[in-house]
Amino acid sequence: MPTVAGSVALVCVLIGTTSFDGFSQGAVWTGEDGLAERFTSVFTSLGLGQSTAVQAGYTLGLLLVVALVSALYWLGVAGMRSVGRDHTTADLARRFAHTLVPISLAYLVAHYFSLLLFQGQAIGFLISDPLGQGSDLFGTANRTIDYNLISANGIWYAQVAALLAGHVCGLILAHDRALTIWRNPRTATRSQYWMLLVIVTYTCLGLWLLSAVSQ
Protein backbone atom coordinates (compact mmCIF):
# COMPACT_ATOMS: atom_id res chain seq x y z
CA MET A 1 0.00 0.00 0.00
CA PRO A 2 1.55 3.36 -1.02
CA THR A 3 2.22 5.55 2.02
CA VAL A 4 0.64 8.67 0.54
CA ALA A 5 -0.73 11.60 2.50
CA GLY A 6 -4.18 10.90 3.92
CA SER A 7 -3.88 7.10 3.86
CA VAL A 8 -4.02 6.87 7.67
CA ALA A 9 -7.04 9.15 7.84
CA LEU A 10 -8.78 7.17 5.10
CA VAL A 11 -8.56 3.78 6.81
CA CYS A 12 -9.48 5.26 10.21
CA VAL A 13 -12.56 6.89 8.67
CA LEU A 14 -13.48 3.60 6.99
CA ILE A 15 -13.47 1.80 10.34
CA GLY A 16 -15.02 4.69 12.25
CA THR A 17 -17.96 5.30 9.93
CA THR A 18 -18.86 1.62 9.74
CA SER A 19 -18.57 1.38 13.53
CA PHE A 20 -20.91 4.33 13.98
CA ASP A 21 -23.37 2.84 11.52
CA GLY A 22 -23.61 -0.19 13.77
CA PHE A 23 -23.44 1.79 17.02
CA SER A 24 -26.30 4.05 15.92
CA GLN A 25 -28.61 1.01 15.76
CA GLY A 26 -27.95 -0.07 19.35
CA ALA A 27 -29.79 0.83 22.54
CA VAL A 28 -26.94 2.99 23.85
CA TRP A 29 -27.57 5.39 20.98
CA THR A 30 -31.27 4.99 20.16
CA GLY A 31 -32.68 3.92 23.54
CA GLU A 32 -34.70 6.06 25.88
CA ASP A 33 -32.43 8.81 27.18
CA GLY A 34 -29.76 7.46 24.82
CA LEU A 35 -26.90 9.43 23.39
CA ALA A 36 -28.87 10.43 20.28
CA GLU A 37 -31.55 12.05 22.40
CA ARG A 38 -28.98 13.75 24.61
CA PHE A 39 -26.98 15.14 21.70
CA THR A 40 -30.15 16.32 20.00
CA SER A 41 -31.26 18.07 23.19
CA VAL A 42 -27.94 19.89 23.40
CA PHE A 43 -28.30 21.30 19.89
CA THR A 44 -31.99 22.07 20.43
CA SER A 45 -31.06 24.12 23.49
CA LEU A 46 -28.65 26.08 21.27
CA GLY A 47 -31.57 27.21 19.12
CA LEU A 48 -31.48 24.69 16.26
CA GLY A 49 -34.67 23.23 14.85
CA GLN A 50 -35.56 19.64 15.66
CA SER A 51 -34.54 18.22 12.28
CA THR A 52 -31.28 20.17 12.19
CA ALA A 53 -30.54 19.24 15.80
CA VAL A 54 -30.95 15.53 14.99
CA GLN A 55 -28.58 15.84 12.03
CA ALA A 56 -26.05 17.74 14.16
CA GLY A 57 -26.30 15.14 16.92
CA TYR A 58 -25.69 12.25 14.55
CA THR A 59 -22.82 14.13 12.92
CA LEU A 60 -21.24 14.71 16.32
CA GLY A 61 -21.62 11.03 17.18
CA LEU A 62 -20.01 10.03 13.89
CA LEU A 63 -17.07 12.34 14.46
CA LEU A 64 -16.57 11.08 18.01
CA VAL A 65 -16.47 7.43 16.91
CA VAL A 66 -14.01 8.23 14.11
CA ALA A 67 -11.90 10.16 16.63
CA LEU A 68 -11.95 7.16 19.01
CA VAL A 69 -10.82 4.76 16.29
CA SER A 70 -8.08 7.18 15.22
CA ALA A 71 -6.92 7.75 18.79
CA LEU A 72 -6.55 4.01 19.37
CA TYR A 73 -4.40 3.66 16.26
CA TRP A 74 -2.19 6.62 17.14
CA LEU A 75 -1.84 5.25 20.67
CA GLY A 76 -0.44 2.04 19.20
CA VAL A 77 1.90 3.98 16.93
CA ALA A 78 3.16 6.10 19.82
CA GLY A 79 3.75 2.91 21.80
CA MET A 80 5.76 1.41 18.95
CA ARG A 81 7.92 4.52 18.75
CA SER A 82 8.67 4.28 22.47
CA VAL A 83 10.23 0.86 21.80
CA GLY A 84 12.39 1.95 18.87
CA ARG A 85 12.97 5.69 18.51
CA ASP A 86 14.77 5.60 15.18
CA HIS A 87 11.49 6.43 13.35
CA THR A 88 9.08 9.33 13.78
CA THR A 89 5.49 8.80 14.88
CA ALA A 90 4.14 10.10 11.56
CA ASP A 91 6.44 7.78 9.61
CA LEU A 92 5.34 4.74 11.61
CA ALA A 93 1.69 5.71 11.24
CA ARG A 94 2.01 5.75 7.44
CA ARG A 95 4.07 2.55 7.31
CA PHE A 96 1.52 0.59 9.35
CA ALA A 97 -1.63 2.09 7.77
CA HIS A 98 -2.08 -0.97 5.55
CA THR A 99 -2.58 -3.14 8.63
CA LEU A 100 -5.98 -1.48 9.14
CA VAL A 101 -7.24 -2.41 5.66
CA PRO A 102 -8.28 -6.02 6.53
CA ILE A 103 -9.83 -4.69 9.75
CA SER A 104 -11.92 -2.16 7.84
CA LEU A 105 -12.95 -4.92 5.44
CA ALA A 106 -13.90 -7.13 8.39
CA TYR A 107 -16.08 -4.37 9.87
CA LEU A 108 -17.69 -3.87 6.46
CA VAL A 109 -18.48 -7.56 6.00
CA ALA A 110 -19.70 -8.02 9.57
CA HIS A 111 -22.00 -5.02 9.45
CA TYR A 112 -23.49 -5.45 5.98
CA PHE A 113 -23.42 -9.24 5.64
CA SER A 114 -27.11 -9.76 6.37
CA LEU A 115 -28.10 -6.76 4.23
CA LEU A 116 -26.23 -8.16 1.25
CA LEU A 117 -27.52 -11.68 1.83
CA PHE A 118 -31.19 -10.72 2.00
CA GLN A 119 -31.57 -7.49 0.04
CA GLY A 120 -29.16 -8.81 -2.57
CA GLN A 121 -31.86 -11.31 -3.52
CA ALA A 122 -34.00 -8.37 -4.66
CA ILE A 123 -31.98 -8.21 -7.87
CA GLY A 124 -33.94 -11.30 -8.96
CA PHE A 125 -37.21 -9.36 -9.35
CA LEU A 126 -35.75 -5.89 -9.86
CA ILE A 127 -33.90 -6.96 -12.99
CA SER A 128 -37.24 -7.93 -14.55
CA ASP A 129 -39.06 -4.80 -13.36
CA PRO A 130 -36.38 -2.16 -12.74
CA LEU A 131 -38.75 0.81 -13.08
CA GLY A 132 -41.57 -0.67 -11.00
CA GLN A 133 -44.06 -0.53 -13.88
CA GLY A 134 -45.21 -4.13 -13.68
CA SER A 135 -42.98 -5.47 -16.45
CA ASP A 136 -41.50 -8.96 -16.40
CA LEU A 137 -38.51 -8.83 -18.75
CA PHE A 138 -36.85 -12.06 -17.65
CA GLY A 139 -39.72 -13.90 -15.99
CA THR A 140 -38.44 -13.28 -12.47
CA ALA A 141 -40.75 -10.45 -11.39
CA ASN A 142 -42.62 -12.72 -8.97
CA ARG A 143 -39.54 -13.76 -7.03
CA THR A 144 -39.42 -12.84 -3.36
CA ILE A 145 -36.74 -12.53 -0.70
CA ASP A 146 -36.13 -15.75 1.23
CA TYR A 147 -35.49 -14.66 4.81
CA ASN A 148 -34.99 -18.29 5.81
CA LEU A 149 -31.87 -18.54 3.67
CA ILE A 150 -29.75 -18.38 6.81
CA SER A 151 -30.59 -18.37 10.49
CA ALA A 152 -29.80 -15.58 12.93
CA ASN A 153 -27.15 -17.79 14.50
CA GLY A 154 -25.62 -18.38 11.07
CA ILE A 155 -25.38 -14.64 10.48
CA TRP A 156 -23.79 -14.17 13.90
CA TYR A 157 -21.15 -16.83 13.27
CA ALA A 158 -20.32 -15.35 9.85
CA GLN A 159 -19.95 -11.88 11.35
CA VAL A 160 -17.73 -13.08 14.18
CA ALA A 161 -15.61 -15.12 11.76
CA ALA A 162 -15.14 -12.06 9.54
CA LEU A 163 -14.09 -9.92 12.50
CA LEU A 164 -11.62 -12.46 13.83
CA ALA A 165 -10.13 -13.19 10.40
CA GLY A 166 -9.72 -9.49 9.60
CA HIS A 167 -8.03 -8.69 12.89
CA VAL A 168 -5.72 -11.69 12.70
CA CYS A 169 -4.69 -10.62 9.18
CA GLY A 170 -4.06 -7.10 10.43
CA LEU A 171 -1.86 -8.41 13.21
CA ILE A 172 0.13 -10.58 10.78
CA LEU A 173 0.69 -7.63 8.46
CA ALA A 174 1.82 -5.47 11.38
CA HIS A 175 4.30 -8.12 12.55
CA ASP A 176 5.74 -8.53 9.04
CA ARG A 177 6.14 -4.78 8.65
CA ALA A 178 7.83 -4.52 12.05
CA LEU A 179 10.44 -7.09 11.02
CA THR A 180 11.32 -4.95 7.99
CA ILE A 181 11.55 -1.71 9.98
CA TRP A 182 13.59 -2.81 13.00
CA ARG A 183 16.69 -4.89 12.44
CA ASN A 184 16.58 -6.36 15.92
CA PRO A 185 13.89 -9.09 15.98
CA ARG A 186 13.41 -8.60 19.72
CA THR A 187 12.70 -4.89 19.23
CA ALA A 188 10.28 -5.70 16.40
CA THR A 189 8.44 -8.19 18.59
CA ARG A 190 8.27 -5.77 21.53
CA SER A 191 6.82 -3.09 19.27
CA GLN A 192 3.97 -5.39 18.34
CA TYR A 193 2.72 -5.65 21.89
CA TRP A 194 1.26 -2.20 21.27
CA MET A 195 -0.36 -3.17 17.98
CA LEU A 196 -1.70 -6.31 19.62
CA LEU A 197 -3.36 -4.10 22.24
CA VAL A 198 -4.87 -1.87 19.55
CA ILE A 199 -6.13 -4.73 17.39
CA VAL A 200 -7.60 -6.64 20.35
CA THR A 201 -9.39 -3.43 21.34
CA TYR A 202 -10.77 -3.12 17.81
CA THR A 203 -11.90 -6.75 18.00
CA CYS A 204 -13.69 -6.17 21.30
CA LEU A 205 -15.30 -3.03 19.89
CA GLY A 206 -16.54 -4.92 16.84
CA LEU A 207 -17.95 -7.79 18.92
CA TRP A 208 -19.63 -5.33 21.29
CA LEU A 209 -21.24 -3.52 18.35
CA LEU A 210 -22.58 -6.83 17.02
CA SER A 211 -24.05 -7.76 20.40
CA ALA A 212 -25.51 -4.27 20.89
CA VAL A 213 -27.27 -4.32 17.52
CA SER A 214 -28.64 -7.85 18.05
CA GLN A 215 -30.29 -6.96 21.36
C-alpha atoms as a PDB file:
ATOM      1  CA  MET A   1       0.000   0.000   0.000  1.00  0.00           C
ATOM      2  CA  PRO A   2       1.551   3.358  -1.018  1.00  0.00           C
ATOM      3  CA  THR A   3       2.224   5.549   2.023  1.00  0.00           C
ATOM      4  CA  VAL A   4       0.641   8.671   0.543  1.00  0.00           C
ATOM      5  CA  ALA A   5      -0.732  11.604   2.503  1.00  0.00           C
ATOM      6  CA  GLY A   6      -4.177  10.896   3.916  1.00  0.00           C
ATOM      7  CA  SER A   7      -3.878   7.099   3.863  1.00  0.00           C
ATOM      8  CA  VAL A   8      -4.019   6.872   7.670  1.00  0.00           C
ATOM      9  CA  ALA A   9      -7.039   9.155   7.838  1.00  0.00           C
ATOM     10  CA  LEU A  10      -8.780   7.168   5.103  1.00  0.00           C
ATOM     11  CA  VAL A  11      -8.560   3.782   6.813  1.00  0.00           C
ATOM     12  CA  CYS A  12      -9.483   5.262  10.210  1.00  0.00           C
ATOM     13  CA  VAL A  13     -12.559   6.886   8.673  1.00  0.00           C
ATOM     14  CA  LEU A  14     -13.485   3.599   6.990  1.00  0.00           C
ATOM     15  CA  ILE A  15     -13.469   1.800  10.339  1.00  0.00           C
ATOM     16  CA  GLY A  16     -15.018   4.688  12.253  1.00  0.00           C
ATOM     17  CA  THR A  17     -17.961   5.304   9.926  1.00  0.00           C
ATOM     18  CA  THR A  18     -18.860   1.621   9.743  1.00  0.00           C
ATOM     19  CA  SER A  19     -18.567   1.385  13.529  1.00  0.00           C
ATOM     20  CA  PHE A  20     -20.909   4.330  13.985  1.00  0.00           C
ATOM     21  CA  ASP A  21     -23.370   2.842  11.515  1.00  0.00           C
ATOM     22  CA  GLY A  22     -23.614  -0.192  13.766  1.00  0.00           C
ATOM     23  CA  PHE A  23     -23.443   1.786  17.016  1.00  0.00           C
ATOM     24  CA  SER A  24     -26.302   4.054  15.919  1.00  0.00           C
ATOM     25  CA  GLN A  25     -28.608   1.013  15.764  1.00  0.00           C
ATOM     26  CA  GLY A  26     -27.951  -0.068  19.347  1.00  0.00           C
ATOM     27  CA  ALA A  27     -29.789   0.826  22.536  1.00  0.00           C
ATOM     28  CA  VAL A  28     -26.940   2.985  23.846  1.00  0.00           C
ATOM     29  CA  TRP A  29     -27.569   5.391  20.979  1.00  0.00           C
ATOM     30  CA  THR A  30     -31.271   4.989  20.163  1.00  0.00           C
ATOM     31  CA  GLY A  31     -32.675   3.917  23.543  1.00  0.00           C
ATOM     32  CA  GLU A  32     -34.705   6.060  25.884  1.00  0.00           C
ATOM     33  CA  ASP A  33     -32.428   8.814  27.185  1.00  0.00           C
ATOM     34  CA  GLY A  34     -29.760   7.458  24.825  1.00  0.00           C
ATOM     35  CA  LEU A  35     -26.899   9.434  23.387  1.00  0.00           C
ATOM     36  CA  ALA A  36     -28.868  10.434  20.280  1.00  0.00           C
ATOM     37  CA  GLU A  37     -31.546  12.053  22.402  1.00  0.00           C
ATOM     38  CA  ARG A  38     -28.983  13.755  24.609  1.00  0.00           C
ATOM     39  CA  PHE A  39     -26.977  15.142  21.704  1.00  0.00           C
ATOM     40  CA  THR A  40     -30.152  16.323  19.999  1.00  0.00           C
ATOM     41  CA  SER A  41     -31.259  18.070  23.195  1.00  0.00           C
ATOM     42  CA  VAL A  42     -27.941  19.893  23.400  1.00  0.00           C
ATOM     43  CA  PHE A  43     -28.296  21.304  19.895  1.00  0.00           C
ATOM     44  CA  THR A  44     -31.987  22.068  20.426  1.00  0.00           C
ATOM     45  CA  SER A  45     -31.057  24.120  23.485  1.00  0.00           C
ATOM     46  CA  LEU A  46     -28.649  26.076  21.266  1.00  0.00           C
ATOM     47  CA  GLY A  47     -31.572  27.209  19.121  1.00  0.00           C
ATOM     48  CA  LEU A  48     -31.484  24.688  16.264  1.00  0.00           C
ATOM     49  CA  GLY A  49     -34.674  23.230  14.850  1.00  0.00           C
ATOM     50  CA  GLN A  50     -35.556  19.640  15.660  1.00  0.00           C
ATOM     51  CA  SER A  51     -34.539  18.221  12.282  1.00  0.00           C
ATOM     52  CA  THR A  52     -31.281  20.174  12.190  1.00  0.00           C
ATOM     53  CA  ALA A  53     -30.540  19.242  15.801  1.00  0.00           C
ATOM     54  CA  VAL A  54     -30.949  15.533  14.986  1.00  0.00           C
ATOM     55  CA  GLN A  55     -28.579  15.845  12.028  1.00  0.00           C
ATOM     56  CA  ALA A  56     -26.054  17.739  14.157  1.00  0.00           C
ATOM     57  CA  GLY A  57     -26.303  15.138  16.924  1.00  0.00           C
ATOM     58  CA  TYR A  58     -25.685  12.249  14.552  1.00  0.00           C
ATOM     59  CA  THR A  59     -22.816  14.126  12.921  1.00  0.00           C
ATOM     60  CA  LEU A  60     -21.236  14.712  16.322  1.00  0.00           C
ATOM     61  CA  GLY A  61     -21.618  11.035  17.184  1.00  0.00           C
ATOM     62  CA  LEU A  62     -20.015  10.026  13.890  1.00  0.00           C
ATOM     63  CA  LEU A  63     -17.066  12.341  14.457  1.00  0.00           C
ATOM     64  CA  LEU A  64     -16.566  11.084  18.007  1.00  0.00           C
ATOM     65  CA  VAL A  65     -16.471   7.430  16.906  1.00  0.00           C
ATOM     66  CA  VAL A  66     -14.013   8.228  14.106  1.00  0.00           C
ATOM     67  CA  ALA A  67     -11.898  10.156  16.634  1.00  0.00           C
ATOM     68  CA  LEU A  68     -11.952   7.165  19.011  1.00  0.00           C
ATOM     69  CA  VAL A  69     -10.824   4.758  16.290  1.00  0.00           C
ATOM     70  CA  SER A  70      -8.082   7.175  15.215  1.00  0.00           C
ATOM     71  CA  ALA A  71      -6.924   7.753  18.790  1.00  0.00           C
ATOM     72  CA  LEU A  72      -6.549   4.010  19.369  1.00  0.00           C
ATOM     73  CA  TYR A  73      -4.399   3.656  16.263  1.00  0.00           C
ATOM     74  CA  TRP A  74      -2.193   6.625  17.138  1.00  0.00           C
ATOM     75  CA  LEU A  75      -1.837   5.246  20.673  1.00  0.00           C
ATOM     76  CA  GLY A  76      -0.442   2.036  19.203  1.00  0.00           C
ATOM     77  CA  VAL A  77       1.897   3.984  16.929  1.00  0.00           C
ATOM     78  CA  ALA A  78       3.158   6.096  19.824  1.00  0.00           C
ATOM     79  CA  GLY A  79       3.753   2.912  21.804  1.00  0.00           C
ATOM     80  CA  MET A  80       5.764   1.407  18.953  1.00  0.00           C
ATOM     81  CA  ARG A  81       7.917   4.517  18.750  1.00  0.00           C
ATOM     82  CA  SER A  82       8.669   4.277  22.466  1.00  0.00           C
ATOM     83  CA  VAL A  83      10.232   0.858  21.797  1.00  0.00           C
ATOM     84  CA  GLY A  84      12.394   1.947  18.871  1.00  0.00           C
ATOM     85  CA  ARG A  85      12.969   5.686  18.513  1.00  0.00           C
ATOM     86  CA  ASP A  86      14.770   5.602  15.180  1.00  0.00           C
ATOM     87  CA  HIS A  87      11.485   6.429  13.355  1.00  0.00           C
ATOM     88  CA  THR A  88       9.079   9.330  13.783  1.00  0.00           C
ATOM     89  CA  THR A  89       5.488   8.798  14.884  1.00  0.00           C
ATOM     90  CA  ALA A  90       4.143  10.102  11.564  1.00  0.00           C
ATOM     91  CA  ASP A  91       6.444   7.778   9.608  1.00  0.00           C
ATOM     92  CA  LEU A  92       5.341   4.738  11.611  1.00  0.00           C
ATOM     93  CA  ALA A  93       1.687   5.709  11.235  1.00  0.00           C
ATOM     94  CA  ARG A  94       2.010   5.747   7.443  1.00  0.00           C
ATOM     95  CA  ARG A  95       4.066   2.546   7.308  1.00  0.00           C
ATOM     96  CA  PHE A  96       1.518   0.588   9.351  1.00  0.00           C
ATOM     97  CA  ALA A  97      -1.628   2.095   7.775  1.00  0.00           C
ATOM     98  CA  HIS A  98      -2.078  -0.970   5.553  1.00  0.00           C
ATOM     99  CA  THR A  99      -2.582  -3.143   8.633  1.00  0.00           C
ATOM    100  CA  LEU A 100      -5.982  -1.478   9.144  1.00  0.00           C
ATOM    101  CA  VAL A 101      -7.245  -2.410   5.662  1.00  0.00           C
ATOM    102  CA  PRO A 102      -8.275  -6.016   6.530  1.00  0.00           C
ATOM    103  CA  ILE A 103      -9.828  -4.685   9.755  1.00  0.00           C
ATOM    104  CA  SER A 104     -11.917  -2.157   7.843  1.00  0.00           C
ATOM    105  CA  LEU A 105     -12.953  -4.921   5.444  1.00  0.00           C
ATOM    106  CA  ALA A 106     -13.905  -7.134   8.392  1.00  0.00           C
ATOM    107  CA  TYR A 107     -16.080  -4.374   9.866  1.00  0.00           C
ATOM    108  CA  LEU A 108     -17.692  -3.865   6.463  1.00  0.00           C
ATOM    109  CA  VAL A 109     -18.475  -7.565   6.002  1.00  0.00           C
ATOM    110  CA  ALA A 110     -19.701  -8.019   9.571  1.00  0.00           C
ATOM    111  CA  HIS A 111     -22.001  -5.015   9.452  1.00  0.00           C
ATOM    112  CA  TYR A 112     -23.487  -5.446   5.975  1.00  0.00           C
ATOM    113  CA  PHE A 113     -23.423  -9.242   5.641  1.00  0.00           C
ATOM    114  CA  SER A 114     -27.115  -9.758   6.375  1.00  0.00           C
ATOM    115  CA  LEU A 115     -28.101  -6.761   4.232  1.00  0.00           C
ATOM    116  CA  LEU A 116     -26.233  -8.163   1.247  1.00  0.00           C
ATOM    117  CA  LEU A 117     -27.524 -11.684   1.832  1.00  0.00           C
ATOM    118  CA  PHE A 118     -31.192 -10.724   2.000  1.00  0.00           C
ATOM    119  CA  GLN A 119     -31.569  -7.489   0.038  1.00  0.00           C
ATOM    120  CA  GLY A 120     -29.155  -8.808  -2.570  1.00  0.00           C
ATOM    121  CA  GLN A 121     -31.862 -11.307  -3.521  1.00  0.00           C
ATOM    122  CA  ALA A 122     -34.000  -8.374  -4.659  1.00  0.00           C
ATOM    123  CA  ILE A 123     -31.985  -8.214  -7.872  1.00  0.00           C
ATOM    124  CA  GLY A 124     -33.942 -11.304  -8.955  1.00  0.00           C
ATOM    125  CA  PHE A 125     -37.209  -9.361  -9.351  1.00  0.00           C
ATOM    126  CA  LEU A 126     -35.750  -5.892  -9.856  1.00  0.00           C
ATOM    127  CA  ILE A 127     -33.902  -6.960 -12.987  1.00  0.00           C
ATOM    128  CA  SER A 128     -37.243  -7.927 -14.552  1.00  0.00           C
ATOM    129  CA  ASP A 129     -39.062  -4.797 -13.362  1.00  0.00           C
ATOM    130  CA  PRO A 130     -36.376  -2.160 -12.738  1.00  0.00           C
ATOM    131  CA  LEU A 131     -38.754   0.814 -13.077  1.00  0.00           C
ATOM    132  CA  GLY A 132     -41.571  -0.669 -10.998  1.00  0.00           C
ATOM    133  CA  GLN A 133     -44.059  -0.533 -13.880  1.00  0.00           C
ATOM    134  CA  GLY A 134     -45.205  -4.135 -13.684  1.00  0.00           C
ATOM    135  CA  SER A 135     -42.980  -5.467 -16.448  1.00  0.00           C
ATOM    136  CA  ASP A 136     -41.502  -8.964 -16.400  1.00  0.00           C
ATOM    137  CA  LEU A 137     -38.511  -8.829 -18.746  1.00  0.00           C
ATOM    138  CA  PHE A 138     -36.851 -12.060 -17.647  1.00  0.00           C
ATOM    139  CA  GLY A 139     -39.722 -13.898 -15.986  1.00  0.00           C
ATOM    140  CA  THR A 140     -38.444 -13.281 -12.468  1.00  0.00           C
ATOM    141  CA  ALA A 141     -40.747 -10.445 -11.391  1.00  0.00           C
ATOM    142  CA  ASN A 142     -42.618 -12.721  -8.966  1.00  0.00           C
ATOM    143  CA  ARG A 143     -39.541 -13.764  -7.031  1.00  0.00           C
ATOM    144  CA  THR A 144     -39.416 -12.837  -3.355  1.00  0.00           C
ATOM    145  CA  ILE A 145     -36.745 -12.530  -0.700  1.00  0.00           C
ATOM    146  CA  ASP A 146     -36.127 -15.745   1.229  1.00  0.00           C
ATOM    147  CA  TYR A 147     -35.494 -14.659   4.814  1.00  0.00           C
ATOM    148  CA  ASN A 148     -34.993 -18.289   5.810  1.00  0.00           C
ATOM    149  CA  LEU A 149     -31.874 -18.538   3.667  1.00  0.00           C
ATOM    150  CA  ILE A 150     -29.746 -18.379   6.808  1.00  0.00           C
ATOM    151  CA  SER A 151     -30.586 -18.369  10.489  1.00  0.00           C
ATOM    152  CA  ALA A 152     -29.805 -15.575  12.930  1.00  0.00           C
ATOM    153  CA  ASN A 153     -27.148 -17.791  14.496  1.00  0.00           C
ATOM    154  CA  GLY A 154     -25.616 -18.377  11.067  1.00  0.00           C
ATOM    155  CA  ILE A 155     -25.382 -14.635  10.479  1.00  0.00           C
ATOM    156  CA  TRP A 156     -23.794 -14.173  13.896  1.00  0.00           C
ATOM    157  CA  TYR A 157     -21.153 -16.828  13.269  1.00  0.00           C
ATOM    158  CA  ALA A 158     -20.323 -15.350   9.850  1.00  0.00           C
ATOM    159  CA  GLN A 159     -19.955 -11.877  11.350  1.00  0.00           C
ATOM    160  CA  VAL A 160     -17.732 -13.076  14.183  1.00  0.00           C
ATOM    161  CA  ALA A 161     -15.611 -15.118  11.759  1.00  0.00           C
ATOM    162  CA  ALA A 162     -15.144 -12.060   9.536  1.00  0.00           C
ATOM    163  CA  LEU A 163     -14.094  -9.922  12.500  1.00  0.00           C
ATOM    164  CA  LEU A 164     -11.624 -12.459  13.829  1.00  0.00           C
ATOM    165  CA  ALA A 165     -10.133 -13.186  10.398  1.00  0.00           C
ATOM    166  CA  GLY A 166      -9.718  -9.490   9.600  1.00  0.00           C
ATOM    167  CA  HIS A 167      -8.028  -8.689  12.885  1.00  0.00           C
ATOM    168  CA  VAL A 168      -5.716 -11.690  12.696  1.00  0.00           C
ATOM    169  CA  CYS A 169      -4.688 -10.617   9.176  1.00  0.00           C
ATOM    170  CA  GLY A 170      -4.060  -7.097  10.428  1.00  0.00           C
ATOM    171  CA  LEU A 171      -1.857  -8.412  13.213  1.00  0.00           C
ATOM    172  CA  ILE A 172       0.129 -10.580  10.783  1.00  0.00           C
ATOM    173  CA  LEU A 173       0.687  -7.628   8.463  1.00  0.00           C
ATOM    174  CA  ALA A 174       1.819  -5.472  11.378  1.00  0.00           C
ATOM    175  CA  HIS A 175       4.296  -8.115  12.553  1.00  0.00           C
ATOM    176  CA  ASP A 176       5.742  -8.534   9.042  1.00  0.00           C
ATOM    177  CA  ARG A 177       6.141  -4.784   8.650  1.00  0.00           C
ATOM    178  CA  ALA A 178       7.833  -4.517  12.054  1.00  0.00           C
ATOM    179  CA  LEU A 179      10.437  -7.094  11.018  1.00  0.00           C
ATOM    180  CA  THR A 180      11.324  -4.951   7.993  1.00  0.00           C
ATOM    181  CA  ILE A 181      11.551  -1.706   9.977  1.00  0.00           C
ATOM    182  CA  TRP A 182      13.585  -2.813  12.997  1.00  0.00           C
ATOM    183  CA  ARG A 183      16.689  -4.892  12.439  1.00  0.00           C
ATOM    184  CA  ASN A 184      16.583  -6.364  15.918  1.00  0.00           C
ATOM    185  CA  PRO A 185      13.889  -9.095  15.975  1.00  0.00           C
ATOM    186  CA  ARG A 186      13.412  -8.596  19.717  1.00  0.00           C
ATOM    187  CA  THR A 187      12.701  -4.892  19.234  1.00  0.00           C
ATOM    188  CA  ALA A 188      10.284  -5.701  16.404  1.00  0.00           C
ATOM    189  CA  THR A 189       8.441  -8.187  18.593  1.00  0.00           C
ATOM    190  CA  ARG A 190       8.266  -5.769  21.532  1.00  0.00           C
ATOM    191  CA  SER A 191       6.824  -3.090  19.270  1.00  0.00           C
ATOM    192  CA  GLN A 192       3.969  -5.391  18.340  1.00  0.00           C
ATOM    193  CA  TYR A 193       2.720  -5.648  21.894  1.00  0.00           C
ATOM    194  CA  TRP A 194       1.258  -2.200  21.266  1.00  0.00           C
ATOM    195  CA  MET A 195      -0.356  -3.174  17.975  1.00  0.00           C
ATOM    196  CA  LEU A 196      -1.698  -6.307  19.624  1.00  0.00           C
ATOM    197  CA  LEU A 197      -3.357  -4.096  22.242  1.00  0.00           C
ATOM    198  CA  VAL A 198      -4.867  -1.871  19.550  1.00  0.00           C
ATOM    199  CA  ILE A 199      -6.133  -4.728  17.395  1.00  0.00           C
ATOM    200  CA  VAL A 200      -7.598  -6.642  20.354  1.00  0.00           C
ATOM    201  CA  THR A 201      -9.390  -3.433  21.344  1.00  0.00           C
ATOM    202  CA  TYR A 202     -10.770  -3.119  17.806  1.00  0.00           C
ATOM    203  CA  THR A 203     -11.895  -6.746  18.005  1.00  0.00           C
ATOM    204  CA  CYS A 204     -13.687  -6.173  21.295  1.00  0.00           C
ATOM    205  CA  LEU A 205     -15.297  -3.027  19.888  1.00  0.00           C
ATOM    206  CA  GLY A 206     -16.544  -4.923  16.840  1.00  0.00           C
ATOM    207  CA  LEU A 207     -17.946  -7.787  18.922  1.00  0.00           C
ATOM    208  CA  TRP A 208     -19.632  -5.334  21.285  1.00  0.00           C
ATOM    209  CA  LEU A 209     -21.243  -3.525  18.349  1.00  0.00           C
ATOM    210  CA  LEU A 210     -22.582  -6.832  17.020  1.00  0.00           C
ATOM    211  CA  SER A 211     -24.048  -7.763  20.398  1.00  0.00           C
ATOM    212  CA  ALA A 212     -25.513  -4.271  20.890  1.00  0.00           C
ATOM    213  CA  VAL A 213     -27.271  -4.319  17.521  1.00  0.00           C
ATOM    214  CA  SER A 214     -28.641  -7.851  18.045  1.00  0.00           C
ATOM    215  CA  GLN A 215     -30.295  -6.960  21.363  1.00  0.00           C
END
